[in-house]
């Protein structure tokens, strides 16, 4: 399974470089199911891999002026605060055995994977659905209040801290649908926000685990290779056309995780 996992690691980066999200959706299942990592450790590793890869991926968007710094700050600061509170207080407070139903016990690992799967299913809807009329028209002028952006940032930070997801699958729809950013500018801005959230979350977590740095840097190197490929392909392929197909993939992955953790565990 290791070879399959290494190949999948390249697609983590391609996803981030091409559509600005989805990397964390791939990272956690790859680490858990292909490399056999504990789910909680996988969330920490995911934060490092997705965060570092997003830093590399954001460079080309910076050069092209496809990053909204103001949006990244307004969205990013409350996200970072939420990441800190979640990783420092909420995650450690979750008991190892959450509850039992008959002979089935929901452990902390299973709970995190199920939450991850549910979010994947919700995220897939925003990728699959087609916009209509004025909702498809981008603009660089925010159409919502700063408070709503802050609330969205807090929610993304909570998700990032809880399940190790960079949140690109939540950030992109918010930037496009709420702020009406042009899609590629939303991708660049999303990568910056993901990098800030994920690396900060990993910094909080690193003291709680024994990190296999050699393994981690192997995955990171492959993911960075992927993000460079994705950034190159983004010049030739319209990411919006790939979103529905990726959305269906995310939906199937979410359903698979639920089945795997409940019926096949």
Protein backbone atom coordinates (compact mmCIF):
# COMPACT_ATOMS: atom_id res chain seq x y z
CA UNK A 1 0.00 0.00 0.00
CA UNK A 2 2.99 2.30 0.47
CA UNK A 3 3.52 2.73 -3.29
CA UNK A 4 -0.16 3.58 -3.77
CA UNK A 5 0.13 6.04 -0.88
CA UNK A 6 3.15 7.76 -2.41
CA UNK A 7 1.38 8.09 -5.77
CA UNK A 8 -1.70 9.47 -4.03
CA UNK A 9 0.54 12.02 -2.27
CA UNK A 10 1.34 13.59 -5.65
CA UNK A 11 -2.38 14.06 -6.27
CA UNK A 12 -2.69 15.89 -2.93
CA UNK A 13 -0.49 18.63 -4.41
CA UNK A 14 -2.10 18.54 -7.85
CA UNK A 15 -5.47 19.14 -6.23
CA UNK A 16 -4.18 22.13 -4.25
CA UNK A 17 -2.37 23.65 -7.23
CA UNK A 18 -5.21 23.16 -9.68
CA UNK A 19 -8.37 23.94 -7.72
CA UNK A 20 -7.03 25.49 -4.49
CA UNK A 21 -8.52 22.88 -2.19
CA UNK A 22 -9.16 19.22 -1.70
CA UNK A 23 -5.62 18.42 -0.62
CA UNK A 24 -6.62 17.74 2.96
CA UNK A 25 -9.59 15.71 1.77
CA UNK A 26 -7.06 13.36 0.19
CA UNK A 27 -4.33 13.63 2.83
CA UNK A 28 -6.08 12.23 5.89
CA UNK A 29 -7.59 9.17 4.14
CA UNK A 30 -4.24 8.49 2.43
CA UNK A 31 -2.37 8.59 5.76
CA UNK A 32 -4.97 6.51 7.61
CA UNK A 33 -5.97 3.91 5.03
CA UNK A 34 -2.86 3.60 2.83
CA UNK A 35 -0.10 4.18 5.42
CA UNK A 36 -1.98 2.84 8.47
CA UNK A 37 -1.49 5.90 10.70
CA UNK A 38 -3.58 6.63 13.76
CA UNK A 39 -6.33 9.11 12.80
CA UNK A 40 -5.27 11.70 15.38
CA UNK A 41 -1.63 11.59 14.25
CA UNK A 42 -2.82 11.74 10.63
CA UNK A 43 -4.62 15.03 11.32
CA UNK A 44 -1.37 16.52 12.66
CA UNK A 45 0.67 15.22 9.70
CA UNK A 46 -2.01 16.53 7.34
CA UNK A 47 -1.68 20.03 8.78
CA UNK A 48 2.07 20.06 8.04
CA UNK A 49 1.80 18.53 4.55
CA UNK A 50 -1.12 20.66 3.37
CA UNK A 51 0.23 23.83 4.99
CA UNK A 52 3.74 23.51 3.53
CA UNK A 53 2.41 22.53 0.12
CA UNK A 54 0.05 25.51 0.14
CA UNK A 55 2.97 27.87 0.81
CA UNK A 56 4.72 26.62 -2.32
CA UNK A 57 1.51 26.68 -4.34
CA UNK A 58 0.68 30.26 -3.35
CA UNK A 59 3.91 31.71 -4.82
CA UNK A 60 2.79 31.55 -8.45
CA UNK A 61 -0.55 33.14 -7.53
CA UNK A 62 1.25 35.95 -5.68
CA UNK A 63 3.34 36.66 -8.78
CA UNK A 64 0.21 36.90 -10.92
CA UNK A 65 -1.56 39.19 -8.42
CA UNK A 66 -4.16 36.52 -7.77
CA UNK A 67 -4.18 36.85 -3.95
CA UNK A 68 -6.47 39.19 -2.02
CA UNK A 69 -4.31 40.13 0.98
CA UNK A 70 -7.14 41.98 2.73
CA UNK A 71 -9.45 38.98 2.47
CA UNK A 72 -6.70 36.61 3.64
CA UNK A 73 -6.14 38.76 6.75
CA UNK A 74 -9.83 39.24 7.61
CA UNK A 75 -10.52 35.55 7.04
CA UNK A 76 -7.21 34.24 8.37
CA UNK A 77 -6.88 35.90 11.80
CA UNK A 78 -10.12 34.50 13.29
CA UNK A 79 -9.28 31.15 11.67
CA UNK A 80 -5.90 31.01 13.42
CA UNK A 81 -7.49 31.82 16.78
CA UNK A 82 -10.06 29.06 16.23
CA UNK A 83 -7.31 26.59 15.23
CA UNK A 84 -5.39 27.35 18.42
CA UNK A 85 -8.41 26.93 20.72
CA UNK A 86 -9.47 23.72 18.97
CA UNK A 87 -6.05 22.00 18.95
CA UNK A 88 -5.10 23.21 22.44
CA UNK A 89 -8.37 22.58 24.28
CA UNK A 90 -11.14 20.85 22.33
CA UNK A 91 -9.23 17.94 20.73
CA UNK A 92 -7.45 16.92 23.99
CA UNK A 93 -10.82 17.03 25.81
CA UNK A 94 -12.43 14.39 23.57
CA UNK A 95 -12.40 11.04 25.45
CA UNK A 96 -10.81 7.96 23.85
CA UNK A 97 -14.20 6.18 23.97
CA UNK A 98 -16.94 8.67 23.13
CA UNK A 99 -20.04 6.45 23.34
CA UNK A 100 -21.30 2.94 22.59
CA UNK A 101 -24.30 1.63 20.66
CA UNK A 102 -24.87 -2.07 21.36
CA UNK A 103 -21.53 -3.75 20.56
CA UNK A 104 -20.26 -0.81 18.50
CA UNK A 105 -18.00 1.67 20.32
CA UNK A 106 -17.33 5.08 18.81
CA UNK A 107 -13.72 5.90 19.67
CA UNK A 108 -11.99 9.25 19.31
CA UNK A 109 -10.38 8.09 16.04
CA UNK A 110 -13.67 6.86 14.59
CA UNK A 111 -15.45 10.08 15.61
CA UNK A 112 -12.83 12.23 13.86
CA UNK A 113 -13.05 10.16 10.67
CA UNK A 114 -16.86 10.27 10.70
CA UNK A 115 -16.86 14.04 11.17
CA UNK A 116 -14.36 14.25 8.34
CA UNK A 117 -16.61 12.15 6.10
CA UNK A 118 -19.72 14.22 6.85
CA UNK A 119 -17.87 17.43 5.98
CA UNK A 120 -16.63 15.82 2.76
CA UNK A 121 -20.21 15.07 1.76
CA UNK A 122 -21.33 18.63 2.47
CA UNK A 123 -18.29 20.03 0.65
CA UNK A 124 -18.96 17.84 -2.38
CA UNK A 125 -22.34 19.51 -2.83
CA UNK A 126 -20.75 22.97 -3.20
CA UNK A 127 -18.39 21.54 -5.82
CA UNK A 128 -21.03 19.64 -7.80
CA UNK A 129 -23.83 22.22 -7.88
CA UNK A 130 -23.94 24.67 -10.78
CA UNK A 131 -24.34 28.39 -10.18
CA UNK A 132 -27.05 30.26 -12.07
CA UNK A 133 -27.59 33.84 -13.13
CA UNK A 134 -25.93 36.58 -11.08
CA UNK A 135 -24.45 34.06 -8.64
CA UNK A 136 -21.91 33.18 -11.33
CA UNK A 137 -20.65 36.71 -11.77
CA UNK A 138 -17.36 37.43 -9.93
CA UNK A 139 -16.43 40.78 -8.47
CA UNK A 140 -13.60 42.03 -6.30
CA UNK A 141 -16.07 44.01 -4.17
CA UNK A 142 -17.27 42.15 -1.06
CA UNK A 143 -21.04 41.81 -0.94
CA UNK A 144 -21.29 40.69 2.67
CA UNK A 145 -20.38 42.12 6.04
CA UNK A 146 -16.96 41.69 7.64
CA UNK A 147 -18.71 39.95 10.55
CA UNK A 148 -19.95 37.19 8.24
CA UNK A 149 -16.43 36.69 6.88
CA UNK A 150 -15.07 36.49 10.44
CA UNK A 151 -17.72 33.90 11.40
CA UNK A 152 -16.86 31.85 8.33
CA UNK A 153 -13.16 32.12 9.25
CA UNK A 154 -13.84 30.87 12.78
CA UNK A 155 -15.76 27.88 11.43
CA UNK A 156 -12.98 27.00 8.98
CA UNK A 157 -10.41 27.30 11.80
CA UNK A 158 -12.47 24.98 13.98
CA UNK A 159 -12.65 22.39 11.18
CA UNK A 160 -8.92 22.73 10.48
CA UNK A 161 -8.02 22.25 14.12
CA UNK A 162 -10.42 19.36 14.69
CA UNK A 163 -9.82 17.10 11.70
CA UNK A 164 -6.58 18.41 10.18
CA UNK A 165 -8.28 19.67 7.04
CA UNK A 166 -6.83 22.82 5.52
CA UNK A 167 -10.37 23.90 4.73
CA UNK A 168 -9.93 24.71 1.05
CA UNK A 169 -13.13 22.83 0.28
CA UNK A 170 -14.91 25.27 2.64
CA UNK A 171 -12.89 28.42 1.88
CA UNK A 172 -13.26 28.36 -1.93
CA UNK A 173 -17.10 28.37 -1.89
CA UNK A 174 -17.07 31.16 0.72
CA UNK A 175 -14.71 33.36 -1.31
CA UNK A 176 -16.54 32.75 -4.59
CA UNK A 177 -20.15 32.73 -3.39
CA UNK A 178 -19.98 35.26 -0.53
CA UNK A 179 -17.22 37.63 -1.65
CA UNK A 180 -17.68 37.01 -5.39
CA UNK A 181 -13.94 36.73 -5.97
CA UNK A 182 -12.88 35.57 -9.42
CA UNK A 183 -12.26 31.82 -9.21
CA UNK A 184 -8.48 31.86 -9.71
CA UNK A 185 -8.09 34.74 -7.24
CA UNK A 186 -10.14 32.70 -4.76
CA UNK A 187 -7.72 29.80 -5.29
CA UNK A 188 -4.65 31.95 -4.56
CA UNK A 189 -6.26 33.53 -1.50
CA UNK A 190 -7.41 30.12 -0.28
CA UNK A 191 -3.86 28.74 -0.48
CA UNK A 192 -2.56 31.57 1.73
CA UNK A 193 -5.31 31.03 4.31
CA UNK A 194 -4.75 27.26 4.27
CA UNK A 195 -1.00 27.73 4.78
CA UNK A 196 -1.50 30.03 7.78
CA UNK A 197 -4.13 27.83 9.44
CA UNK A 198 -2.44 24.49 8.82
CA UNK A 199 1.12 25.40 9.82
CA UNK A 200 -0.09 27.17 12.93
CA UNK A 201 -2.18 24.12 13.84
CA UNK A 202 0.80 21.81 13.32
CA UNK A 203 3.03 24.04 15.47
CA UNK A 204 0.53 23.62 18.32
CA UNK A 205 0.36 19.83 17.82
CA UNK A 206 4.05 19.00 17.25
CA UNK A 207 4.91 18.71 20.95
CA UNK A 208 2.19 16.11 21.54
CA UNK A 209 3.47 13.47 19.09
CA UNK A 210 6.64 11.64 18.10
CA UNK A 211 7.07 12.88 14.53
CA UNK A 212 8.59 10.65 11.84
CA UNK A 213 10.23 13.55 10.01
CA UNK A 214 11.79 11.40 7.26
CA UNK A 215 8.39 9.95 6.32
CA UNK A 216 6.75 13.37 6.62
CA UNK A 217 9.27 15.04 4.31
CA UNK A 218 8.92 12.23 1.75
CA UNK A 219 5.19 12.87 1.54
CA UNK A 220 5.79 16.62 1.49
CA UNK A 221 8.27 16.35 -1.39
CA UNK A 222 5.76 14.37 -3.45
CA UNK A 223 2.93 16.76 -2.60
CA UNK A 224 5.06 19.77 -3.57
CA UNK A 225 5.86 18.06 -6.88
CA UNK A 226 2.13 17.68 -7.33
CA UNK A 227 1.34 21.31 -6.52
CA UNK A 228 3.89 22.48 -9.10
CA UNK A 229 2.23 20.22 -11.67
CA UNK A 230 -1.18 21.54 -10.61
CA UNK A 231 -0.08 25.17 -10.85
CA UNK A 232 1.27 24.52 -14.35
CA UNK A 233 -1.94 22.76 -15.42
CA UNK A 234 -4.01 25.64 -14.02
CA UNK A 235 -2.64 27.82 -16.84
CA UNK A 236 -4.10 25.43 -19.40
CA UNK A 237 -7.17 24.00 -17.68
CA UNK A 238 -10.16 25.84 -16.23
CA UNK A 239 -10.39 24.64 -12.64
CA UNK A 240 -14.14 25.33 -12.60
CA UNK A 241 -14.66 22.57 -15.15
CA UNK A 242 -12.88 20.11 -12.89
CA UNK A 243 -14.80 21.04 -9.73
CA UNK A 244 -17.90 18.88 -10.41
CA UNK A 245 -15.82 15.79 -11.20
CA UNK A 246 -13.71 16.33 -8.08
CA UNK A 247 -16.92 16.90 -6.11
CA UNK A 248 -18.25 13.48 -7.10
CA UNK A 249 -14.94 11.93 -6.07
CA UNK A 250 -15.12 13.67 -2.68
CA UNK A 251 -18.71 12.46 -2.23
CA UNK A 252 -17.74 8.84 -2.91
CA UNK A 253 -14.75 9.13 -0.55
CA UNK A 254 -16.99 10.47 2.21
CA UNK A 255 -19.47 7.61 1.79
CA UNK A 256 -16.61 5.09 1.74
CA UNK A 257 -15.17 6.43 5.03
CA UNK A 258 -18.58 6.19 6.74
CA UNK A 259 -19.01 2.59 5.57
CA UNK A 260 -15.42 1.72 6.48
CA UNK A 261 -15.64 3.17 10.01
CA UNK A 262 -19.10 1.82 10.88
CA UNK A 263 -19.79 -1.38 8.96
CA UNK A 264 -16.32 -2.68 8.15
CA UNK A 265 -14.48 -1.69 11.34
